[in-house]
């Protein structure tokens, strides 16, 4: 009984920290290390209280693989470091049973967010110029293709909330 309460509390804190990561990523394009560290420190509490210590080594291996792949994506400037660390720690929590589902939900959420940002960008660019106060450089910058930042921590958080809901119910 006590173990279940501790495990459920750890899952609730996991969900809260993942949401905090999403909010800070949207606001600042940054996921503070203290959030990822908090999730990492909280995992052994959950694993012990929830009776999941036996699967912890495999969960660590999965998280290590995601971290290694994410490090390559970070080195290629495709993902932010905070996003990579958050994804790895969420895979740790997902464990071997939920890791692939977490990755699928995260990728799907990321695709939807990217599509929404693309549509928003196209709509903003297609607006007629109503003011002549824009400078030529502003018009040139607007017309030039540029890489739009995406707070991928939001997609990871959606995947993390999927994990939290699955752990809560299971």
Protein backbone atom coordinates (compact mmCIF):
# COMPACT_ATOMS: atom_id res chain seq x y z
CA UNK A 1 0.00 0.00 0.00
CA UNK A 2 2.74 2.47 1.01
CA UNK A 3 4.81 1.51 -2.04
CA UNK A 4 1.87 2.15 -4.34
CA UNK A 5 1.36 5.61 -2.86
CA UNK A 6 5.04 6.45 -3.29
CA UNK A 7 5.05 5.12 -6.87
CA UNK A 8 1.89 7.06 -7.78
CA UNK A 9 3.37 10.22 -6.22
CA UNK A 10 6.56 9.73 -8.23
CA UNK A 11 4.52 9.35 -11.43
CA UNK A 12 2.60 12.55 -10.62
CA UNK A 13 5.88 14.40 -10.05
CA UNK A 14 7.23 12.95 -13.31
CA UNK A 15 4.21 14.37 -15.16
CA UNK A 16 4.57 17.75 -13.46
CA UNK A 17 8.28 17.98 -14.30
CA UNK A 18 7.66 16.99 -17.92
CA UNK A 19 5.01 19.73 -18.18
CA UNK A 20 7.43 22.21 -16.63
CA UNK A 21 10.00 21.24 -19.26
CA UNK A 22 7.48 21.90 -22.04
CA UNK A 23 6.53 25.31 -20.66
CA UNK A 24 10.14 26.44 -20.29
CA UNK A 25 10.96 25.15 -23.77
CA UNK A 26 8.10 27.16 -25.28
CA UNK A 27 9.04 30.29 -23.35
CA UNK A 28 12.84 30.17 -23.64
CA UNK A 29 13.78 27.39 -26.08
CA UNK A 30 15.64 25.88 -23.15
CA UNK A 31 15.02 22.93 -20.85
CA UNK A 32 16.87 23.50 -17.57
CA UNK A 33 19.16 20.69 -16.46
CA UNK A 34 17.51 20.71 -13.02
CA UNK A 35 14.31 19.38 -14.58
CA UNK A 36 16.08 16.49 -16.29
CA UNK A 37 18.15 15.83 -13.18
CA UNK A 38 14.97 15.82 -11.07
CA UNK A 39 13.42 13.23 -13.39
CA UNK A 40 16.58 11.15 -13.23
CA UNK A 41 16.78 11.25 -9.42
CA UNK A 42 13.06 10.46 -9.11
CA UNK A 43 13.25 7.33 -11.28
CA UNK A 44 14.89 5.02 -8.67
CA UNK A 45 12.21 6.02 -6.18
CA UNK A 46 9.53 5.01 -8.67
CA UNK A 47 11.35 1.81 -9.67
CA UNK A 48 11.83 0.73 -6.06
CA UNK A 49 8.35 1.67 -4.82
CA UNK A 50 6.58 0.33 -7.91
CA UNK A 51 8.49 -2.96 -7.96
CA UNK A 52 10.27 -2.25 -11.24
CA UNK A 53 13.87 -2.65 -10.13
CA UNK A 54 14.32 -5.80 -12.24
CA UNK A 55 13.67 -3.91 -15.47
CA UNK A 56 15.81 -0.90 -14.50
CA UNK A 57 19.03 -2.17 -16.18
CA UNK A 58 17.24 -2.64 -19.50
CA UNK A 59 15.53 0.74 -19.11
CA UNK A 60 18.97 2.29 -18.54
CA UNK A 61 20.26 0.59 -21.69
CA UNK A 62 17.35 1.96 -23.74
CA UNK A 63 17.93 5.43 -22.32
CA UNK A 64 21.64 5.18 -23.17
CA UNK A 65 20.83 4.26 -26.76
CA UNK A 66 18.43 7.20 -27.08
CA UNK A 67 21.03 9.50 -25.52
CA UNK A 68 23.70 8.31 -27.98
CA UNK A 69 21.42 8.75 -31.00
CA UNK A 70 20.32 12.12 -29.64
CA UNK A 71 23.95 13.20 -29.20
CA UNK A 72 24.45 12.59 -32.93
CA UNK A 73 21.31 14.62 -33.71
CA UNK A 74 22.60 17.38 -31.42
CA UNK A 75 26.01 17.34 -33.11
CA UNK A 76 24.27 17.66 -36.50
CA UNK A 77 22.27 20.62 -35.13
CA UNK A 78 18.99 18.73 -35.52
CA UNK A 79 17.95 18.68 -31.85
CA UNK A 80 18.70 20.73 -28.79
CA UNK A 81 20.70 19.26 -25.95
CA UNK A 82 17.87 19.73 -23.47
CA UNK A 83 15.47 17.92 -25.80
CA UNK A 84 17.90 15.00 -26.10
CA UNK A 85 18.39 14.71 -22.34
CA UNK A 86 14.66 14.97 -21.68
CA UNK A 87 13.92 12.30 -24.27
CA UNK A 88 16.52 9.94 -22.78
CA UNK A 89 15.18 10.30 -19.25
CA UNK A 90 11.62 9.80 -20.47
CA UNK A 91 12.72 6.56 -22.17
CA UNK A 92 14.24 5.54 -18.84
CA UNK A 93 10.85 6.03 -17.20
CA UNK A 94 9.08 4.30 -20.11
CA UNK A 95 11.22 1.23 -19.66
CA UNK A 96 11.38 -1.62 -22.13
CA UNK A 97 7.59 -2.05 -22.28
CA UNK A 98 6.73 1.54 -23.23
CA UNK A 99 9.91 2.85 -24.91
CA UNK A 100 8.80 2.30 -28.50
CA UNK A 101 5.32 3.64 -27.78
CA UNK A 102 6.87 6.73 -26.16
CA UNK A 103 9.09 7.32 -29.19
CA UNK A 104 6.14 6.87 -31.56
CA UNK A 105 3.92 9.29 -29.61
CA UNK A 106 6.78 11.80 -29.37
CA UNK A 107 7.54 11.63 -33.10
CA UNK A 108 3.86 11.93 -33.96
CA UNK A 109 3.45 14.94 -31.67
CA UNK A 110 6.60 16.48 -33.12
CA UNK A 111 5.25 16.05 -36.63
CA UNK A 112 1.95 17.68 -35.74
CA UNK A 113 3.74 20.60 -34.04
CA UNK A 114 6.10 21.03 -37.00
CA UNK A 115 3.17 21.02 -39.42
CA UNK A 116 1.31 23.59 -37.32
CA UNK A 117 4.39 25.84 -37.21
CA UNK A 118 4.86 25.47 -40.97
CA UNK A 119 1.24 26.39 -41.66
CA UNK A 120 1.49 29.34 -39.26
CA UNK A 121 4.69 30.50 -40.96
CA UNK A 122 3.09 30.29 -44.41
CA UNK A 123 0.01 32.21 -43.23
CA UNK A 124 2.13 34.96 -41.69
CA UNK A 125 4.23 35.29 -44.85
CA UNK A 126 1.18 35.43 -47.12
CA UNK A 127 -0.35 38.45 -45.37
CA UNK A 128 -0.39 41.61 -47.48
CA UNK A 129 1.86 44.44 -46.36
CA UNK A 130 -0.42 47.06 -44.83
CA UNK A 131 2.25 49.42 -43.65
CA UNK A 132 5.06 51.06 -45.57
CA UNK A 133 7.09 51.50 -42.39
CA UNK A 134 8.95 48.27 -42.95
CA UNK A 135 12.53 48.70 -44.09
CA UNK A 136 13.94 46.97 -47.13
CA UNK A 137 16.10 44.80 -44.89
CA UNK A 138 13.06 43.65 -42.92
CA UNK A 139 11.32 42.72 -46.15
CA UNK A 140 14.43 40.93 -47.39
CA UNK A 141 14.76 39.01 -44.11
CA UNK A 142 11.10 38.03 -44.27
CA UNK A 143 11.44 36.78 -47.83
CA UNK A 144 14.63 34.82 -47.19
CA UNK A 145 14.24 31.19 -46.19
CA UNK A 146 15.27 30.57 -42.61
CA UNK A 147 15.23 27.80 -40.11
CA UNK A 148 12.42 28.15 -37.61
CA UNK A 149 13.13 26.93 -34.11
CA UNK A 150 10.75 24.37 -32.75
CA UNK A 151 10.30 23.71 -29.05
CA UNK A 152 10.64 19.94 -29.42
CA UNK A 153 10.43 19.61 -25.65
CA UNK A 154 6.68 19.97 -26.10
CA UNK A 155 6.57 16.83 -28.25
CA UNK A 156 8.77 14.99 -25.75
CA UNK A 157 6.48 16.17 -22.95
CA UNK A 158 3.45 14.82 -24.78
CA UNK A 159 5.24 11.47 -25.06
CA UNK A 160 6.18 11.74 -21.39
CA UNK A 161 2.57 12.38 -20.40
CA UNK A 162 1.60 9.29 -22.40
CA UNK A 163 4.15 7.34 -20.33
CA UNK A 164 2.85 8.84 -17.07
CA UNK A 165 -0.74 7.92 -17.96
CA UNK A 166 0.33 4.39 -18.92
CA UNK A 167 2.32 3.92 -15.70
CA UNK A 168 -0.51 5.35 -13.62
CA UNK A 169 -3.00 2.93 -15.09
CA UNK A 170 -0.70 -0.07 -15.12
